[in-house]
């Protein structure tokens, strides 16, 4: 009986303390009027005027798929077995296609080539040349400095990257990646 009473008393004290704290908090803030919420349009306009917002261009899933399919078809025309990846401006994968017979390493290589191309807004074949002056570039996680990646741009800025891997040479991979870019124009 004493345990039940003690437990019940403890619960009542905790509940009373919580209620008192909530009432105290509400009482202390009651005299202050809550600021009126600004309409969303007014906030957006103020942010735009203060240069706090940026609009960015992204490929749709349909456009990314179209580009990946164009790259894969270009490779198939030359009897090459490749994987194709399309990533967005932030390096997030939008779509990947693994062609029939593509090697197991080609999937990850295609994603990394696409990421590398969009990160530097340059074909990966061009970036390979930069390794002579800055060999530590290859140490950046998620990148692959082999030919086969091509950036997709809008108004001069990168909006996506297409990576192709699996052909016997990076030049072929990049040719197929460029076919994907060309399909978007």
N, C-alpha and C. Protein backbone atom coordinates (compact mmCIF):
# COMPACT_ATOMS: atom_id res chain seq x y z
N UNK A 1 0.82 -1.18 0.00
CA UNK A 1 0.00 0.00 0.00
C UNK A 1 0.87 1.25 0.00
N UNK A 2 1.97 1.22 0.80
CA UNK A 2 2.85 2.38 0.86
C UNK A 2 3.51 2.63 -0.50
N UNK A 3 3.87 1.53 -1.22
CA UNK A 3 4.51 1.68 -2.52
C UNK A 3 3.56 2.34 -3.51
N UNK A 4 2.28 1.91 -3.52
CA UNK A 4 1.30 2.48 -4.42
C UNK A 4 1.08 3.95 -4.10
N UNK A 5 1.00 4.28 -2.82
CA UNK A 5 0.79 5.67 -2.41
C UNK A 5 1.99 6.52 -2.81
N UNK A 6 3.19 6.01 -2.57
CA UNK A 6 4.41 6.74 -2.89
C UNK A 6 4.51 6.95 -4.39
N UNK A 7 4.23 5.92 -5.16
CA UNK A 7 4.27 6.01 -6.61
C UNK A 7 3.23 7.00 -7.12
N UNK A 8 2.03 6.95 -6.59
CA UNK A 8 0.96 7.87 -6.98
C UNK A 8 1.31 9.31 -6.62
N UNK A 9 1.90 9.51 -5.43
CA UNK A 9 2.30 10.85 -5.01
C UNK A 9 3.39 11.39 -5.91
N UNK A 10 4.35 10.55 -6.25
CA UNK A 10 5.45 10.97 -7.13
C UNK A 10 4.90 11.38 -8.48
N UNK A 11 4.00 10.61 -9.03
CA UNK A 11 3.41 10.93 -10.33
C UNK A 11 2.66 12.25 -10.25
N UNK A 12 1.92 12.47 -9.18
CA UNK A 12 1.16 13.71 -9.02
C UNK A 12 2.09 14.91 -8.93
N UNK A 13 3.21 14.76 -8.23
CA UNK A 13 4.18 15.87 -8.10
C UNK A 13 4.79 16.19 -9.45
N UNK A 14 5.18 15.17 -10.22
CA UNK A 14 5.77 15.39 -11.54
C UNK A 14 4.76 16.06 -12.45
N UNK A 15 3.52 15.59 -12.43
CA UNK A 15 2.48 16.16 -13.26
C UNK A 15 2.22 17.61 -12.87
N UNK A 16 2.16 17.89 -11.57
CA UNK A 16 1.92 19.25 -11.11
C UNK A 16 3.08 20.16 -11.51
N UNK A 17 4.31 19.69 -11.41
CA UNK A 17 5.47 20.50 -11.79
C UNK A 17 5.44 20.81 -13.27
N UNK A 18 5.10 19.82 -14.09
CA UNK A 18 5.01 20.04 -15.53
C UNK A 18 3.91 21.02 -15.88
N UNK A 19 2.77 20.90 -15.22
CA UNK A 19 1.66 21.81 -15.46
C UNK A 19 2.03 23.22 -15.02
N UNK A 20 2.67 23.34 -13.86
CA UNK A 20 3.08 24.65 -13.36
C UNK A 20 4.07 25.29 -14.33
N UNK A 21 5.01 24.49 -14.83
CA UNK A 21 6.00 25.02 -15.78
C UNK A 21 5.34 25.48 -17.06
N UNK A 22 4.36 24.72 -17.54
CA UNK A 22 3.67 25.10 -18.77
C UNK A 22 2.84 26.35 -18.56
N UNK A 23 2.15 26.43 -17.39
CA UNK A 23 1.36 27.61 -17.08
C UNK A 23 2.29 28.81 -16.92
N UNK A 24 3.42 28.62 -16.25
CA UNK A 24 4.37 29.72 -16.06
C UNK A 24 4.90 30.20 -17.39
N UNK A 25 5.25 29.27 -18.27
CA UNK A 25 5.78 29.66 -19.57
C UNK A 25 4.73 30.40 -20.37
N UNK A 26 3.48 29.92 -20.32
CA UNK A 26 2.42 30.60 -21.06
C UNK A 26 2.10 31.95 -20.44
N UNK A 27 2.13 32.02 -19.12
CA UNK A 27 1.81 33.28 -18.46
C UNK A 27 2.87 34.33 -18.76
N UNK A 28 4.14 33.91 -18.80
CA UNK A 28 5.19 34.90 -19.03
C UNK A 28 5.19 35.37 -20.48
N UNK A 29 4.71 34.54 -21.38
CA UNK A 29 4.71 34.98 -22.77
C UNK A 29 3.36 35.55 -23.20
N UNK A 30 2.36 35.48 -22.33
CA UNK A 30 1.02 35.94 -22.69
C UNK A 30 0.97 37.42 -23.02
N UNK A 31 1.62 38.33 -22.26
CA UNK A 31 1.49 39.74 -22.57
C UNK A 31 2.07 40.11 -23.93
N UNK A 32 3.03 39.35 -24.42
CA UNK A 32 3.64 39.70 -25.70
C UNK A 32 2.76 39.20 -26.82
N UNK A 33 2.53 40.05 -27.77
CA UNK A 33 1.73 39.65 -28.92
C UNK A 33 2.61 38.87 -29.88
N UNK A 34 2.10 37.79 -30.37
CA UNK A 34 2.85 36.99 -31.34
C UNK A 34 2.94 37.77 -32.64
N UNK A 35 4.13 37.75 -33.26
CA UNK A 35 4.25 38.48 -34.52
C UNK A 35 3.39 37.83 -35.59
N UNK A 36 2.80 38.65 -36.41
CA UNK A 36 1.97 38.13 -37.48
C UNK A 36 2.86 37.42 -38.49
N UNK A 37 2.44 36.29 -38.93
CA UNK A 37 3.20 35.54 -39.92
C UNK A 37 3.14 36.28 -41.25
N UNK A 38 4.31 36.46 -41.84
CA UNK A 38 4.37 37.13 -43.13
C UNK A 38 3.86 36.18 -44.21
N UNK A 39 3.10 36.70 -45.14
CA UNK A 39 2.64 35.83 -46.22
C UNK A 39 3.84 35.27 -46.98
N UNK A 40 3.72 34.05 -47.45
CA UNK A 40 4.81 33.37 -48.13
C UNK A 40 5.30 34.16 -49.34
N UNK A 41 4.40 34.78 -50.06
CA UNK A 41 4.80 35.54 -51.24
C UNK A 41 5.66 36.74 -50.85
N UNK A 42 5.32 37.38 -49.73
CA UNK A 42 6.11 38.53 -49.29
C UNK A 42 7.51 38.10 -48.86
N UNK A 43 7.61 36.95 -48.19
CA UNK A 43 8.92 36.43 -47.78
C UNK A 43 9.75 36.10 -49.00
N UNK A 44 9.14 35.43 -49.97
CA UNK A 44 9.87 35.05 -51.19
C UNK A 44 10.34 36.29 -51.93
N UNK A 45 9.50 37.32 -51.99
CA UNK A 45 9.88 38.55 -52.68
C UNK A 45 11.05 39.22 -51.95
N UNK A 46 10.97 39.27 -50.63
CA UNK A 46 12.05 39.88 -49.85
C UNK A 46 13.35 39.10 -50.03
N UNK A 47 13.27 37.77 -50.01
CA UNK A 47 14.47 36.96 -50.22
C UNK A 47 15.06 37.19 -51.60
N UNK A 48 14.21 37.28 -52.61
CA UNK A 48 14.69 37.51 -53.97
C UNK A 48 15.35 38.88 -54.08
N UNK A 49 14.75 39.89 -53.44
CA UNK A 49 15.33 41.23 -53.49
C UNK A 49 16.67 41.28 -52.75
N UNK A 50 16.80 40.50 -51.71
CA UNK A 50 18.05 40.47 -50.94
C UNK A 50 19.05 39.45 -51.48
N UNK A 51 18.71 38.84 -52.62
CA UNK A 51 19.59 37.87 -53.26
C UNK A 51 19.85 36.66 -52.37
N UNK A 52 18.83 36.22 -51.63
CA UNK A 52 18.95 35.05 -50.75
C UNK A 52 18.51 33.76 -51.41
N UNK A 53 17.94 33.84 -52.59
CA UNK A 53 17.43 32.65 -53.28
C UNK A 53 18.11 32.50 -54.62
N UNK A 54 18.26 31.27 -55.05
CA UNK A 54 18.78 30.96 -56.37
C UNK A 54 17.85 29.95 -57.02
N UNK A 55 17.57 30.14 -58.26
CA UNK A 55 16.84 29.15 -59.02
C UNK A 55 17.85 28.36 -59.81
N UNK A 56 17.67 27.06 -59.85
CA UNK A 56 18.59 26.22 -60.60
C UNK A 56 17.82 25.40 -61.62
N UNK A 57 18.53 24.97 -62.63
CA UNK A 57 17.94 24.17 -63.68
C UNK A 57 18.35 22.72 -63.47
N UNK A 58 17.39 21.83 -63.58
CA UNK A 58 17.64 20.40 -63.42
C UNK A 58 17.02 19.64 -64.57
N UNK A 59 17.64 18.53 -64.93
CA UNK A 59 17.04 17.65 -65.93
C UNK A 59 15.85 16.93 -65.32
N UNK A 60 14.84 16.75 -66.10
CA UNK A 60 13.73 15.91 -65.67
C UNK A 60 14.15 14.45 -65.80
N UNK A 61 13.41 13.57 -65.18
CA UNK A 61 13.70 12.14 -65.32
C UNK A 61 13.54 11.72 -66.78
N UNK A 62 12.59 12.32 -67.49
CA UNK A 62 12.41 11.99 -68.90
C UNK A 62 13.61 12.40 -69.73
N UNK A 63 14.14 13.61 -69.48
CA UNK A 63 15.31 14.08 -70.22
C UNK A 63 16.54 13.25 -69.89
N UNK A 64 16.71 12.91 -68.61
CA UNK A 64 17.86 12.10 -68.21
C UNK A 64 17.78 10.71 -68.84
N UNK A 65 16.59 10.14 -68.88
CA UNK A 65 16.39 8.82 -69.50
C UNK A 65 16.66 8.88 -70.99
N UNK A 66 16.18 9.94 -71.63
CA UNK A 66 16.41 10.12 -73.07
C UNK A 66 17.92 10.18 -73.36
N UNK A 67 18.65 10.93 -72.55
CA UNK A 67 20.10 11.06 -72.75
C UNK A 67 20.81 9.73 -72.52
N UNK A 68 20.41 9.02 -71.47
CA UNK A 68 21.03 7.72 -71.17
C UNK A 68 20.75 6.73 -72.30
N UNK A 69 19.54 6.71 -72.79
CA UNK A 69 19.19 5.80 -73.88
C UNK A 69 19.96 6.15 -75.15
N UNK A 70 20.14 7.44 -75.42
CA UNK A 70 20.90 7.85 -76.61
C UNK A 70 22.36 7.40 -76.50
N UNK A 71 22.93 7.52 -75.31
CA UNK A 71 24.31 7.06 -75.09
C UNK A 71 24.41 5.55 -75.29
N UNK A 72 23.47 4.82 -74.73
CA UNK A 72 23.48 3.36 -74.84
C UNK A 72 23.29 2.93 -76.29
N UNK A 73 22.39 3.58 -77.02
CA UNK A 73 22.16 3.24 -78.43
C UNK A 73 23.40 3.52 -79.28
N UNK A 74 24.09 4.61 -78.98
CA UNK A 74 25.32 4.93 -79.72
C UNK A 74 26.37 3.84 -79.50
N UNK A 75 26.46 3.35 -78.29
CA UNK A 75 27.41 2.27 -77.98
C UNK A 75 26.99 0.97 -78.66
N UNK A 76 25.70 0.66 -78.63
CA UNK A 76 25.22 -0.57 -79.25
C UNK A 76 25.45 -0.59 -80.75
N UNK A 77 25.36 0.58 -81.39
CA UNK A 77 25.61 0.67 -82.84
C UNK A 77 27.04 0.25 -83.17
N UNK A 78 27.94 0.41 -82.21
CA UNK A 78 29.34 0.03 -82.42
C UNK A 78 29.68 -1.27 -81.68
N UNK A 79 28.64 -2.01 -81.33
CA UNK A 79 28.80 -3.31 -80.65
C UNK A 79 29.60 -3.21 -79.35
N UNK A 80 29.38 -2.15 -78.62
CA UNK A 80 30.07 -1.97 -77.33
C UNK A 80 29.09 -2.23 -76.20
N UNK A 81 29.59 -2.86 -75.18
CA UNK A 81 28.78 -3.20 -74.00
C UNK A 81 29.17 -2.25 -72.87
N UNK A 82 28.28 -1.32 -72.58
CA UNK A 82 28.60 -0.27 -71.62
C UNK A 82 27.48 -0.07 -70.61
N UNK A 83 27.83 0.67 -69.57
CA UNK A 83 26.83 1.19 -68.63
C UNK A 83 26.84 2.70 -68.76
N UNK A 84 25.67 3.30 -68.52
CA UNK A 84 25.51 4.74 -68.64
C UNK A 84 24.88 5.27 -67.35
N UNK A 85 25.38 6.40 -66.88
CA UNK A 85 24.80 7.05 -65.70
C UNK A 85 24.58 8.52 -65.99
N UNK A 86 23.49 9.05 -65.48
CA UNK A 86 23.21 10.48 -65.56
C UNK A 86 23.01 10.96 -64.13
N UNK A 87 23.78 11.99 -63.74
CA UNK A 87 23.66 12.56 -62.40
C UNK A 87 23.21 14.01 -62.51
N UNK A 88 22.59 14.52 -61.46
CA UNK A 88 22.16 15.92 -61.46
C UNK A 88 23.32 16.83 -61.04
N UNK A 89 23.05 18.11 -60.94
CA UNK A 89 24.07 19.11 -60.62
C UNK A 89 24.75 18.82 -59.29
N UNK A 90 24.05 18.19 -58.38
CA UNK A 90 24.62 17.88 -57.06
C UNK A 90 25.30 16.52 -57.01
N UNK A 91 25.34 15.84 -58.15
CA UNK A 91 25.99 14.54 -58.20
C UNK A 91 25.10 13.38 -57.82
N UNK A 92 23.82 13.63 -57.63
CA UNK A 92 22.88 12.56 -57.30
C UNK A 92 22.48 11.82 -58.57
N UNK A 93 22.48 10.52 -58.52
CA UNK A 93 22.14 9.73 -59.70
C UNK A 93 20.67 9.89 -60.04
N UNK A 94 20.42 10.22 -61.29
CA UNK A 94 19.04 10.34 -61.78
C UNK A 94 18.63 9.03 -62.43
N UNK A 95 19.50 8.50 -63.31
CA UNK A 95 19.18 7.26 -64.02
C UNK A 95 20.48 6.53 -64.38
N UNK A 96 20.42 5.22 -64.37
CA UNK A 96 21.53 4.40 -64.85
C UNK A 96 20.95 3.30 -65.74
N UNK A 97 21.70 2.97 -66.76
CA UNK A 97 21.34 1.87 -67.64
C UNK A 97 22.57 0.99 -67.81
N UNK A 98 22.40 -0.29 -67.59
CA UNK A 98 23.49 -1.23 -67.81
C UNK A 98 23.15 -2.01 -69.07
N UNK A 99 23.99 -1.80 -70.08
CA UNK A 99 23.76 -2.49 -71.34
C UNK A 99 23.98 -3.99 -71.21
N UNK A 100 23.38 -4.74 -72.11
CA UNK A 100 23.56 -6.19 -72.12
C UNK A 100 25.04 -6.52 -72.24
N UNK A 101 25.53 -7.33 -71.33
CA UNK A 101 26.92 -7.77 -71.37
C UNK A 101 27.93 -6.79 -70.81
N UNK A 102 27.48 -5.69 -70.24
CA UNK A 102 28.42 -4.71 -69.67
C UNK A 102 29.12 -5.32 -68.46
N UNK A 103 30.39 -5.01 -68.31
CA UNK A 103 31.17 -5.55 -67.20
C UNK A 103 30.69 -5.03 -65.86
N UNK A 104 30.96 -5.78 -64.79
CA UNK A 104 30.48 -5.39 -63.46
C UNK A 104 31.09 -4.08 -62.96
N UNK A 105 32.29 -3.75 -63.40
CA UNK A 105 32.93 -2.51 -62.97
C UNK A 105 32.36 -1.29 -63.68
N UNK A 106 31.67 -1.50 -64.80
CA UNK A 106 31.24 -0.37 -65.61
C UNK A 106 30.17 0.48 -64.94
N UNK A 107 29.33 -0.13 -64.14
CA UNK A 107 28.24 0.62 -63.48
C UNK A 107 28.79 1.72 -62.59
N UNK A 108 29.64 1.35 -61.64
CA UNK A 108 30.20 2.33 -60.71
C UNK A 108 31.10 3.33 -61.43
N UNK A 109 31.85 2.86 -62.41
CA UNK A 109 32.72 3.76 -63.17
C UNK A 109 31.91 4.82 -63.91
N UNK A 110 30.78 4.43 -64.48
CA UNK A 110 29.93 5.38 -65.20
C UNK A 110 29.40 6.46 -64.26
N UNK A 111 28.97 6.06 -63.07
CA UNK A 111 28.47 7.03 -62.09
C UNK A 111 29.58 8.01 -61.70
N UNK A 112 30.76 7.49 -61.43
CA UNK A 112 31.87 8.35 -61.02
C UNK A 112 32.32 9.30 -62.13
N UNK A 113 32.31 8.82 -63.37
CA UNK A 113 32.67 9.69 -64.50
C UNK A 113 31.64 10.82 -64.65
N UNK A 114 30.36 10.49 -64.51
CA UNK A 114 29.31 11.51 -64.61
C UNK A 114 29.48 12.55 -63.50
N UNK A 115 29.73 12.08 -62.29
CA UNK A 115 29.93 12.97 -61.14
C UNK A 115 31.15 13.88 -61.35
N UNK A 116 32.22 13.32 -61.87
CA UNK A 116 33.43 14.09 -62.10
C UNK A 116 33.19 15.16 -63.17
N UNK A 117 32.50 14.80 -64.24
CA UNK A 117 32.23 15.75 -65.33
C UNK A 117 31.37 16.92 -64.85
N UNK A 118 30.34 16.65 -64.07
CA UNK A 118 29.47 17.74 -63.61
C UNK A 118 30.17 18.57 -62.54
N UNK A 119 31.01 17.94 -61.74
CA UNK A 119 31.70 18.67 -60.66
C UNK A 119 32.64 19.74 -61.21
N UNK A 120 33.32 19.44 -62.30
CA UNK A 120 34.27 20.39 -62.87
C UNK A 120 33.77 21.02 -64.16
N UNK A 121 32.55 20.70 -64.58
CA UNK A 121 31.97 21.25 -65.81
C UNK A 121 32.92 21.09 -66.99
N UNK A 122 33.46 19.89 -67.10
CA UNK A 122 34.39 19.60 -68.20
C UNK A 122 34.34 18.12 -68.52
N UNK A 123 34.60 17.78 -69.78
CA UNK A 123 34.71 16.36 -70.11
C UNK A 123 35.84 15.73 -69.30
N UNK A 124 35.67 14.51 -68.91
CA UNK A 124 36.68 13.87 -68.07
C UNK A 124 37.99 13.66 -68.82
N UNK A 125 37.95 13.61 -70.15
CA UNK A 125 39.20 13.48 -70.91
C UNK A 125 40.06 14.73 -70.73
N UNK A 126 39.44 15.88 -70.60
CA UNK A 126 40.17 17.13 -70.35
C UNK A 126 40.73 17.13 -68.93
N UNK A 127 39.95 16.62 -68.01
CA UNK A 127 40.37 16.61 -66.60
C UNK A 127 41.55 15.67 -66.37
N UNK A 128 41.67 14.61 -67.17
CA UNK A 128 42.80 13.69 -67.03
C UNK A 128 44.11 14.47 -67.18
N UNK A 129 44.13 15.42 -68.10
CA UNK A 129 45.32 16.24 -68.31
C UNK A 129 45.68 17.09 -67.10
N UNK A 130 44.71 17.47 -66.31
CA UNK A 130 44.97 18.30 -65.13
C UNK A 130 45.68 17.53 -64.02
N UNK A 131 45.63 16.21 -64.08
CA UNK A 131 46.28 15.40 -63.05
C UNK A 131 47.79 15.58 -63.06
N UNK A 132 48.37 15.93 -64.21
CA UNK A 132 49.82 16.14 -64.28
C UNK A 132 50.24 17.27 -63.35
N UNK A 133 49.45 18.33 -63.29
CA UNK A 133 49.78 19.47 -62.43
C UNK A 133 49.25 19.32 -61.01
N UNK A 134 48.16 18.60 -60.86
CA UNK A 134 47.54 18.43 -59.55
C UNK A 134 47.16 16.97 -59.35
N UNK A 135 48.14 16.12 -59.06
CA UNK A 135 47.85 14.68 -58.96
C UNK A 135 46.90 14.31 -57.83
N UNK A 136 46.74 15.16 -56.83
CA UNK A 136 45.87 14.83 -55.71
C UNK A 136 44.39 14.97 -56.05
N UNK A 137 44.07 15.52 -57.21
CA UNK A 137 42.66 15.59 -57.62
C UNK A 137 42.02 14.21 -57.59
N UNK A 138 42.77 13.20 -57.97
CA UNK A 138 42.24 11.83 -58.03
C UNK A 138 41.85 11.29 -56.66
N UNK A 139 42.29 11.97 -55.60
CA UNK A 139 41.98 11.53 -54.24
C UNK A 139 40.62 12.02 -53.74
N UNK A 140 39.95 12.85 -54.51
CA UNK A 140 38.65 13.37 -54.09
C UNK A 140 37.63 12.24 -54.20
N UNK A 141 36.92 11.94 -53.11
CA UNK A 141 35.97 10.81 -53.11
C UNK A 141 34.90 10.94 -54.19
N UNK A 142 34.59 9.82 -54.80
CA UNK A 142 33.51 9.78 -55.79
C UNK A 142 33.91 10.15 -57.19
N UNK A 143 35.17 10.55 -57.40
CA UNK A 143 35.60 10.97 -58.73
C UNK A 143 36.36 9.87 -59.44
N UNK A 144 36.40 9.98 -60.76
CA UNK A 144 37.18 9.05 -61.58
C UNK A 144 37.70 9.83 -62.79
N UNK A 145 38.99 9.99 -62.84
CA UNK A 145 39.62 10.77 -63.89
C UNK A 145 40.05 9.87 -65.05
N UNK A 146 39.05 9.36 -65.74
CA UNK A 146 39.23 8.59 -66.97
C UNK A 146 38.25 9.15 -67.98
N UNK A 147 38.63 9.17 -69.25
CA UNK A 147 37.73 9.67 -70.28
C UNK A 147 36.44 8.87 -70.27
N UNK A 148 35.33 9.56 -70.54
CA UNK A 148 34.03 8.90 -70.59
C UNK A 148 32.92 9.68 -69.91
N UNK A 149 33.25 10.84 -69.35
CA UNK A 149 32.23 11.67 -68.71
C UNK A 149 32.08 12.98 -69.45
N UNK A 150 30.85 13.46 -69.56
CA UNK A 150 30.57 14.71 -70.25
C UNK A 150 29.56 15.52 -69.45
N UNK A 151 29.81 16.83 -69.30
CA UNK A 151 28.84 17.66 -68.59
C UNK A 151 27.68 18.05 -69.50
N UNK A 152 26.53 18.26 -68.90
CA UNK A 152 25.37 18.83 -69.58
C UNK A 152 25.24 20.23 -69.01
N UNK A 153 25.18 21.24 -69.89
CA UNK A 153 25.14 22.61 -69.41
C UNK A 153 23.88 23.34 -69.88
N UNK A 154 23.56 24.39 -69.16
CA UNK A 154 22.50 25.32 -69.53
C UNK A 154 23.01 26.71 -69.17
N UNK A 155 23.01 27.59 -70.12
CA UNK A 155 23.54 28.94 -69.93
C UNK A 155 24.97 28.90 -69.40
N UNK A 156 25.76 27.95 -69.89
CA UNK A 156 27.16 27.86 -69.52
C UNK A 156 27.45 27.18 -68.20
N UNK A 157 26.42 26.90 -67.43
CA UNK A 157 26.62 26.26 -66.13
C UNK A 157 26.25 24.79 -66.17
N UNK A 158 26.93 23.96 -65.37
CA UNK A 158 26.63 22.53 -65.38
C UNK A 158 25.31 22.24 -64.68
N UNK A 159 24.49 21.40 -65.31
CA UNK A 159 23.23 21.00 -64.69
C UNK A 159 23.14 19.48 -64.52
N UNK A 160 24.04 18.76 -65.18
CA UNK A 160 24.04 17.30 -65.08
C UNK A 160 25.35 16.78 -65.65
N UNK A 161 25.58 15.51 -65.45
CA UNK A 161 26.74 14.84 -66.03
C UNK A 161 26.31 13.49 -66.57
N UNK A 162 26.91 13.09 -67.69
CA UNK A 162 26.65 11.77 -68.26
C UNK A 162 27.97 11.02 -68.26
N UNK A 163 27.94 9.83 -67.71
CA UNK A 163 29.13 8.99 -67.69
C UNK A 163 28.87 7.68 -68.39
N UNK A 164 29.85 7.24 -69.16
CA UNK A 164 29.76 5.96 -69.85
C UNK A 164 31.03 5.19 -69.54
N UNK A 165 30.89 3.90 -69.28
CA UNK A 165 32.05 3.06 -68.99
C UNK A 165 31.82 1.66 -69.55
N UNK A 166 32.91 1.04 -69.97
CA UNK A 166 32.83 -0.34 -70.44
C UNK A 166 33.40 -0.57 -71.81
N UNK A 167 33.51 0.46 -72.63
CA UNK A 167 34.11 0.30 -73.95
C UNK A 167 35.62 0.10 -73.77
N UNK A 168 36.30 -0.43 -74.81
CA UNK A 168 37.73 -0.69 -74.65
C UNK A 168 38.60 0.55 -74.50
N UNK A 169 38.05 1.73 -74.79
CA UNK A 169 38.85 2.95 -74.60
C UNK A 169 37.96 4.06 -74.05
N UNK A 170 38.58 4.96 -73.30
CA UNK A 170 37.86 6.10 -72.77
C UNK A 170 37.35 7.02 -73.86
N UNK A 171 38.07 7.06 -74.98
CA UNK A 171 37.62 7.90 -76.10
C UNK A 171 36.26 7.44 -76.61
N UNK A 172 36.07 6.13 -76.69
CA UNK A 172 34.76 5.61 -77.10
C UNK A 172 33.70 5.91 -76.05
N UNK A 173 34.05 5.70 -74.79
CA UNK A 173 33.10 6.00 -73.71
C UNK A 173 32.64 7.45 -73.80
N UNK A 174 33.60 8.34 -74.01
CA UNK A 174 33.25 9.76 -74.05
C UNK A 174 32.44 10.10 -75.30
N UNK A 175 32.75 9.45 -76.40
CA UNK A 175 31.96 9.65 -77.64
C UNK A 175 30.50 9.29 -77.38
N UNK A 176 30.27 8.20 -76.66
CA UNK A 176 28.90 7.77 -76.36
C UNK A 176 28.23 8.72 -75.35
N UNK A 177 29.00 9.23 -74.39
CA UNK A 177 28.46 10.21 -73.44
C UNK A 177 28.05 11.48 -74.17
N UNK A 178 28.87 11.91 -75.12
CA UNK A 178 28.55 13.11 -75.91
C UNK A 178 27.30 12.90 -76.75
N UNK A 179 27.06 11.66 -77.19
CA UNK A 179 25.81 11.37 -77.93
C UNK A 179 24.60 11.61 -77.02
N UNK A 180 24.74 11.29 -75.75
CA UNK A 180 23.67 11.58 -74.80
C UNK A 180 23.44 13.07 -74.62
N UNK A 181 24.53 13.82 -74.52
CA UNK A 181 24.41 15.28 -74.39
C UNK A 181 23.74 15.85 -75.63
N UNK A 182 24.18 15.40 -76.81
CA UNK A 182 23.62 15.90 -78.07
C UNK A 182 22.12 15.62 -78.20
N UNK A 183 21.65 14.54 -77.61
CA UNK A 183 20.24 14.20 -77.69
C UNK A 183 19.35 15.20 -76.95
N UNK A 184 19.93 15.96 -76.08
CA UNK A 184 19.16 16.92 -75.29
C UNK A 184 19.00 18.27 -76.00
N UNK A 185 19.73 18.47 -77.07
CA UNK A 185 19.66 19.76 -77.78
C UNK A 185 18.65 19.74 -78.89
